[in-house]
Amino acid sequence: MGSGNAGRICAHVGCRNRQIILVNMITSIQNPKIQRVRSLLQRRSSREEEQAFVIEGARLIHEAFQSGVPLDLVLISSQPSPRAAQLAEELAAAGILLEKVSAELFARISDTENPQGILAIVRQQSPPLRQGWDFLVVADGLRDPGNLGTLLRTSAAAAADGVILTPACADVYSPKVVRSAMGAHFRLSILHKTWEEIITLCRQRPGQPARVLVSEVDNGTPCWQVDLRRPLALVIGSEAEGVSSAAKQAADQCLIIPMPGQVESLNAAVAAGILLFEVVRQRYP
């Protein structure tokens, strides 16, 4: 193997069981590939400039691979977990080149407490919004990465067509959002829009305009008393501040989750889960 392939993993398929051949592993944190990964993990500006982000762990990378998302760079630890090693074989058999990194260096660049030993850089791309969409979720100023990632995951589970992010939201491609979303980035249309653009999208929906339904703590209709079978955009605000004034102005109706207990509000992701699956209950009785 020539020196131009140093540090790469390739698949040897001349025997019954596939083997991964590892050569000239990367050991320096100054390596350009390592510096690129660190920059994408740590800086929103780098993610926006490159239109790329980092995914880590066998499950996320496998989901990206199965979804047809191109893997721009794959790094594998010299001591990967069994699942990561198995995935490396699958990727190599598909013709994807991987770069070997020392276990010590991988632990330094990993963003997880117990790294599995495999990560990848992928492009910021999501499935296009289908023309006949009828169920969107709007994250209105949701700044907590964990809540935003959970909202994406729950939206995918509830078969929403897409999630719209208003400008004040957390970075949807930050490591914590990506981990919390558990692969939802590859299943949902993810759109960045202003409230003016959201209103236009809903009003100009082909066939029948979509209603804008806003989640409120009080002063609304109990969610199970509202017909959620028609096209809609469900707006979820932050736990601390609620929905924005722009969302309230755009609202066709406000929804509440009745709470008989002595609590002021629910966590944003929890409230979203209740409302999303009320939509599911009504649409899939």
Protein backbone atom coordinates (compact mmCIF):
# COMPACT_ATOMS: atom_id res chain seq x y z
CA MET A 1 0.00 0.00 0.00
CA GLY A 2 1.45 3.36 -1.01
CA SER A 3 2.27 6.12 1.41
CA GLY A 4 -0.63 8.20 0.07
CA ASN A 5 -2.98 5.80 1.85
CA ALA A 6 -1.22 6.08 5.21
CA GLY A 7 -3.57 6.16 8.15
CA ARG A 8 -6.47 4.65 6.24
CA ILE A 9 -8.45 1.48 6.82
CA CYS A 10 -9.34 -0.69 3.89
CA ALA A 11 -11.29 -3.92 3.55
CA HIS A 12 -9.52 -7.10 2.59
CA VAL A 13 -12.15 -9.43 1.18
CA GLY A 14 -9.98 -12.25 -0.09
CA CYS A 15 -10.84 -14.45 2.88
CA ARG A 16 -14.04 -15.79 4.34
CA ASN A 17 -14.24 -13.17 7.10
CA ARG A 18 -13.63 -9.55 6.19
CA GLN A 19 -10.55 -8.04 7.79
CA ILE A 20 -9.74 -4.40 8.43
CA ILE A 21 -6.12 -3.47 7.80
CA LEU A 22 -4.91 -0.53 9.91
CA VAL A 23 -1.69 1.29 9.01
CA ASN A 24 0.17 4.43 10.06
CA MET A 25 -2.32 5.64 12.61
CA ILE A 26 -2.76 9.30 13.48
CA THR A 27 -1.23 10.12 16.86
CA SER A 28 -0.80 13.92 16.80
CA ILE A 29 -3.50 16.35 17.87
CA GLN A 30 -1.98 18.78 15.37
CA ASN A 31 -2.98 16.55 12.45
CA PRO A 32 -5.22 18.61 10.07
CA LYS A 33 -8.00 16.01 10.18
CA ILE A 34 -8.00 16.05 13.98
CA GLN A 35 -8.00 19.85 14.02
CA ARG A 36 -10.96 19.87 11.63
CA VAL A 37 -12.96 17.53 13.87
CA ARG A 38 -12.19 19.60 16.97
CA SER A 39 -13.20 22.80 15.22
CA LEU A 40 -16.53 21.34 14.09
CA LEU A 41 -17.23 20.01 17.58
CA GLN A 42 -16.39 23.26 19.35
CA ARG A 43 -17.38 26.10 17.03
CA ARG A 44 -20.77 26.92 15.55
CA SER A 45 -19.03 29.25 13.09
CA SER A 46 -17.01 26.32 11.72
CA ARG A 47 -20.12 24.19 11.32
CA GLU A 48 -21.88 27.01 9.50
CA GLU A 49 -18.89 27.78 7.29
CA GLU A 50 -18.36 24.15 6.28
CA GLN A 51 -22.05 23.23 6.36
CA ALA A 52 -20.94 20.07 8.15
CA PHE A 53 -21.09 18.52 11.62
CA VAL A 54 -19.71 15.60 13.61
CA ILE A 55 -21.60 12.45 14.56
CA GLU A 56 -20.14 10.00 17.05
CA GLY A 57 -20.93 6.42 17.92
CA ALA A 58 -21.82 3.32 15.94
CA ARG A 59 -25.58 3.84 16.07
CA LEU A 60 -25.58 7.39 14.67
CA ILE A 61 -23.04 6.62 11.98
CA HIS A 62 -24.93 3.48 10.96
CA GLU A 63 -28.16 5.49 10.71
CA ALA A 64 -26.46 8.10 8.55
CA PHE A 65 -24.98 5.38 6.34
CA GLN A 66 -28.33 3.57 5.99
CA SER A 67 -30.04 6.88 5.17
CA GLY A 68 -27.64 7.47 2.29
CA VAL A 69 -25.90 10.42 3.95
CA PRO A 70 -22.34 10.75 2.54
CA LEU A 71 -19.66 10.24 5.20
CA ASP A 72 -17.05 12.89 4.53
CA LEU A 73 -14.45 11.63 7.01
CA VAL A 74 -14.56 8.62 9.33
CA LEU A 75 -12.12 8.18 12.22
CA ILE A 76 -11.75 4.85 14.01
CA SER A 77 -9.89 4.33 17.27
CA SER A 78 -7.10 1.78 17.49
CA GLN A 79 -9.18 0.23 20.29
CA PRO A 80 -12.80 0.46 19.09
CA SER A 81 -15.77 -1.14 20.79
CA PRO A 82 -17.01 -4.40 19.23
CA ARG A 83 -19.96 -2.57 17.64
CA ALA A 84 -17.68 0.12 16.21
CA ALA A 85 -15.31 -2.50 14.84
CA GLN A 86 -18.23 -4.31 13.19
CA LEU A 87 -19.46 -1.06 11.66
CA ALA A 88 -15.96 -0.30 10.39
CA GLU A 89 -16.04 -3.61 8.52
CA GLU A 90 -19.40 -2.74 6.98
CA LEU A 91 -18.21 0.69 5.88
CA ALA A 92 -14.95 -0.65 4.48
CA ALA A 93 -16.83 -3.35 2.55
CA ALA A 94 -18.92 -0.55 1.02
CA GLY A 95 -15.77 1.19 -0.18
CA ILE A 96 -15.65 3.88 2.49
CA LEU A 97 -12.16 4.78 3.67
CA LEU A 98 -11.54 5.24 7.37
CA GLU A 99 -8.66 6.89 9.21
CA LYS A 100 -7.10 5.13 12.19
CA VAL A 101 -6.48 7.19 15.34
CA SER A 102 -4.63 6.13 18.48
CA ALA A 103 -6.94 5.30 21.38
CA GLU A 104 -5.34 8.03 23.51
CA LEU A 105 -5.89 10.69 20.86
CA PHE A 106 -9.44 9.54 20.14
CA ALA A 107 -10.29 9.89 23.83
CA ARG A 108 -8.99 13.48 23.74
CA ILE A 109 -11.12 14.56 20.79
CA SER A 110 -14.27 12.59 21.66
CA ASP A 111 -17.26 14.57 22.90
CA THR A 112 -18.73 11.64 24.85
CA GLU A 113 -17.87 10.26 28.29
CA ASN A 114 -17.52 6.66 27.10
CA PRO A 115 -16.52 6.83 23.43
CA GLN A 116 -17.15 3.79 21.25
CA GLY A 117 -14.17 4.66 19.12
CA ILE A 118 -15.76 5.84 15.87
CA LEU A 119 -16.87 9.24 14.60
CA ALA A 120 -17.62 10.86 11.26
CA ILE A 121 -18.08 14.22 9.60
CA VAL A 122 -21.27 14.58 7.56
CA ARG A 123 -22.83 17.40 5.57
CA GLN A 124 -25.71 19.47 6.88
CA GLN A 125 -28.46 18.07 4.73
CA SER A 126 -31.92 16.80 5.56
CA PRO A 127 -34.75 15.32 3.51
CA PRO A 128 -36.70 17.96 1.54
CA LEU A 129 -40.11 18.97 2.85
CA ARG A 130 -42.72 17.05 0.91
CA GLN A 131 -45.10 19.20 -1.09
CA GLY A 132 -48.24 17.86 0.58
CA TRP A 133 -46.95 18.23 4.14
CA ASP A 134 -49.60 18.38 6.86
CA PHE A 135 -47.71 18.36 10.16
CA LEU A 136 -44.86 20.69 11.06
CA VAL A 137 -43.33 21.47 14.44
CA VAL A 138 -41.95 24.95 15.09
CA ALA A 139 -39.20 25.34 17.70
CA ASP A 140 -39.70 28.95 18.74
CA GLY A 141 -36.56 30.23 20.45
CA LEU A 142 -35.71 26.85 21.98
CA ARG A 143 -32.21 27.53 23.31
CA ASP A 144 -31.54 24.42 25.40
CA PRO A 145 -29.65 21.89 23.24
CA GLY A 146 -31.02 18.87 25.11
CA ASN A 147 -34.60 20.04 24.72
CA LEU A 148 -34.08 20.81 21.04
CA GLY A 149 -32.55 17.41 20.33
CA THR A 150 -35.36 15.66 22.20
CA LEU A 151 -37.92 17.69 20.26
CA LEU A 152 -36.37 16.51 16.98
CA ARG A 153 -36.39 12.89 18.13
CA THR A 154 -40.01 13.08 19.34
CA SER A 155 -41.09 14.83 16.13
CA ALA A 156 -39.59 12.02 14.07
CA ALA A 157 -41.32 9.43 16.27
CA ALA A 158 -44.66 11.21 15.78
CA ALA A 159 -44.20 11.24 11.98
CA ALA A 160 -43.99 15.02 11.69
CA ASP A 161 -42.98 16.13 8.21
CA GLY A 162 -40.39 18.56 9.50
CA VAL A 163 -39.17 20.90 12.21
CA ILE A 164 -38.79 24.64 11.68
CA LEU A 165 -36.24 26.54 13.76
CA THR A 166 -36.66 30.24 14.42
CA PRO A 167 -33.49 32.40 14.53
CA ALA A 168 -33.18 32.37 18.35
CA CYS A 169 -32.90 28.57 18.59
CA ALA A 170 -29.80 26.67 19.67
CA ASP A 171 -27.54 25.34 16.93
CA VAL A 172 -29.31 22.24 15.66
CA TYR A 173 -25.96 20.71 14.64
CA SER A 174 -24.19 21.14 17.99
CA PRO A 175 -22.90 17.89 19.55
CA LYS A 176 -25.47 17.85 22.37
CA VAL A 177 -28.41 18.41 20.01
CA VAL A 178 -27.11 15.71 17.66
CA ARG A 179 -26.72 13.20 20.51
CA SER A 180 -30.17 13.95 21.94
CA ALA A 181 -31.84 13.71 18.53
CA MET A 182 -30.62 10.12 18.03
CA GLY A 183 -30.60 10.20 14.24
CA ALA A 184 -33.65 12.43 13.70
CA HIS A 185 -31.48 14.76 11.61
CA PHE A 186 -31.52 12.11 8.89
CA ARG A 187 -35.30 11.51 8.95
CA LEU A 188 -36.81 14.99 9.26
CA SER A 189 -36.86 18.07 7.09
CA ILE A 190 -35.06 20.71 9.16
CA LEU A 191 -35.81 24.28 8.11
CA HIS A 192 -34.55 27.65 9.35
CA LYS A 193 -37.19 30.35 8.92
CA THR A 194 -38.33 33.70 10.26
CA TRP A 195 -41.88 34.13 11.49
CA GLU A 196 -42.79 35.98 8.31
CA GLU A 197 -41.59 33.00 6.28
CA ILE A 198 -43.41 30.53 8.55
CA ILE A 199 -46.70 32.37 8.11
CA THR A 200 -46.24 32.42 4.34
CA LEU A 201 -45.43 28.69 4.27
CA CYS A 202 -48.58 27.86 6.25
CA ARG A 203 -50.92 30.20 4.39
CA GLN A 204 -49.68 29.10 0.97
CA ARG A 205 -49.74 25.37 1.65
CA PRO A 206 -51.11 23.65 -1.49
CA GLY A 207 -54.72 22.53 -1.22
CA GLN A 208 -55.55 23.76 2.26
CA PRO A 209 -53.77 26.33 4.45
CA ALA A 210 -52.21 25.00 7.62
CA ARG A 211 -53.28 26.35 10.99
CA VAL A 212 -50.69 27.73 13.40
CA LEU A 213 -51.33 26.21 16.83
CA VAL A 214 -49.36 27.63 19.74
CA SER A 215 -48.64 25.84 23.00
CA GLU A 216 -49.38 28.05 26.02
CA VAL A 217 -49.25 27.52 29.78
CA ASP A 218 -52.75 28.98 30.23
CA ASN A 219 -55.39 30.93 28.30
CA GLY A 220 -56.00 28.29 25.67
CA THR A 221 -58.11 25.28 24.72
CA PRO A 222 -57.27 21.86 26.18
CA CYS A 223 -55.32 20.04 23.48
CA TRP A 224 -57.69 17.06 23.29
CA GLN A 225 -60.61 19.37 22.54
CA VAL A 226 -58.95 20.71 19.38
CA ASP A 227 -59.20 18.95 16.00
CA LEU A 228 -55.58 18.12 15.18
CA ARG A 229 -56.30 16.09 12.07
CA ARG A 230 -56.17 19.04 9.70
CA PRO A 231 -52.86 20.46 8.37
CA LEU A 232 -51.07 22.30 11.15
CA ALA A 233 -47.87 23.83 12.45
CA LEU A 234 -47.46 23.20 16.17
CA VAL A 235 -45.39 25.85 17.96
CA ILE A 236 -43.29 24.95 21.01
CA GLY A 237 -41.62 27.74 22.99
CA SER A 238 -38.87 27.65 25.59
CA GLU A 239 -39.64 26.61 29.16
CA ALA A 240 -38.26 29.87 30.56
CA GLU A 241 -39.84 32.38 28.19
CA GLY A 242 -42.66 30.56 26.43
CA VAL A 243 -43.51 31.40 22.84
CA SER A 244 -42.54 34.72 21.29
CA SER A 245 -44.89 37.62 20.64
CA ALA A 246 -44.50 36.91 16.91
CA ALA A 247 -45.78 33.36 17.47
CA LYS A 248 -48.77 34.62 19.43
CA GLN A 249 -49.61 37.10 16.67
CA ALA A 250 -49.44 34.33 14.07
CA ALA A 251 -51.51 31.87 16.11
CA ASP A 252 -54.84 30.62 14.82
CA GLN A 253 -55.45 28.95 18.17
CA CYS A 254 -53.68 28.45 21.51
CA LEU A 255 -53.47 25.03 23.15
CA ILE A 256 -52.93 24.14 26.77
CA ILE A 257 -52.12 20.93 28.61
CA PRO A 258 -54.39 20.87 31.68
CA MET A 259 -52.33 20.21 34.82
CA PRO A 260 -54.30 19.40 37.99
CA GLY A 261 -51.10 19.26 40.04
CA GLN A 262 -49.38 22.19 41.73
CA VAL A 263 -46.73 22.96 39.09
CA GLU A 264 -46.32 26.11 37.06
CA SER A 265 -45.18 24.58 33.77
CA LEU A 266 -43.73 21.52 32.07
CA ASN A 267 -40.31 21.07 30.56
CA ALA A 268 -40.51 22.16 26.91
CA ALA A 269 -39.57 18.74 25.54
CA VAL A 270 -42.09 17.00 27.83
CA ALA A 271 -44.87 19.37 26.79
CA ALA A 272 -43.96 18.85 23.15
CA GLY A 273 -44.16 15.07 23.58
CA ILE A 274 -47.65 15.28 25.06
CA LEU A 275 -48.91 17.54 22.28
CA LEU A 276 -47.22 15.63 19.47
CA PHE A 277 -48.72 12.36 20.58
CA GLU A 278 -52.14 13.92 20.98
CA VAL A 279 -51.79 14.61 17.25
CA VAL A 280 -50.84 10.95 16.76
CA ARG A 281 -53.79 9.76 18.89
CA GLN A 282 -56.26 11.72 16.81
CA ARG A 283 -54.75 10.83 13.44
CA TYR A 284 -54.10 7.14 14.11
CA PRO A 285 -57.00 6.02 16.34
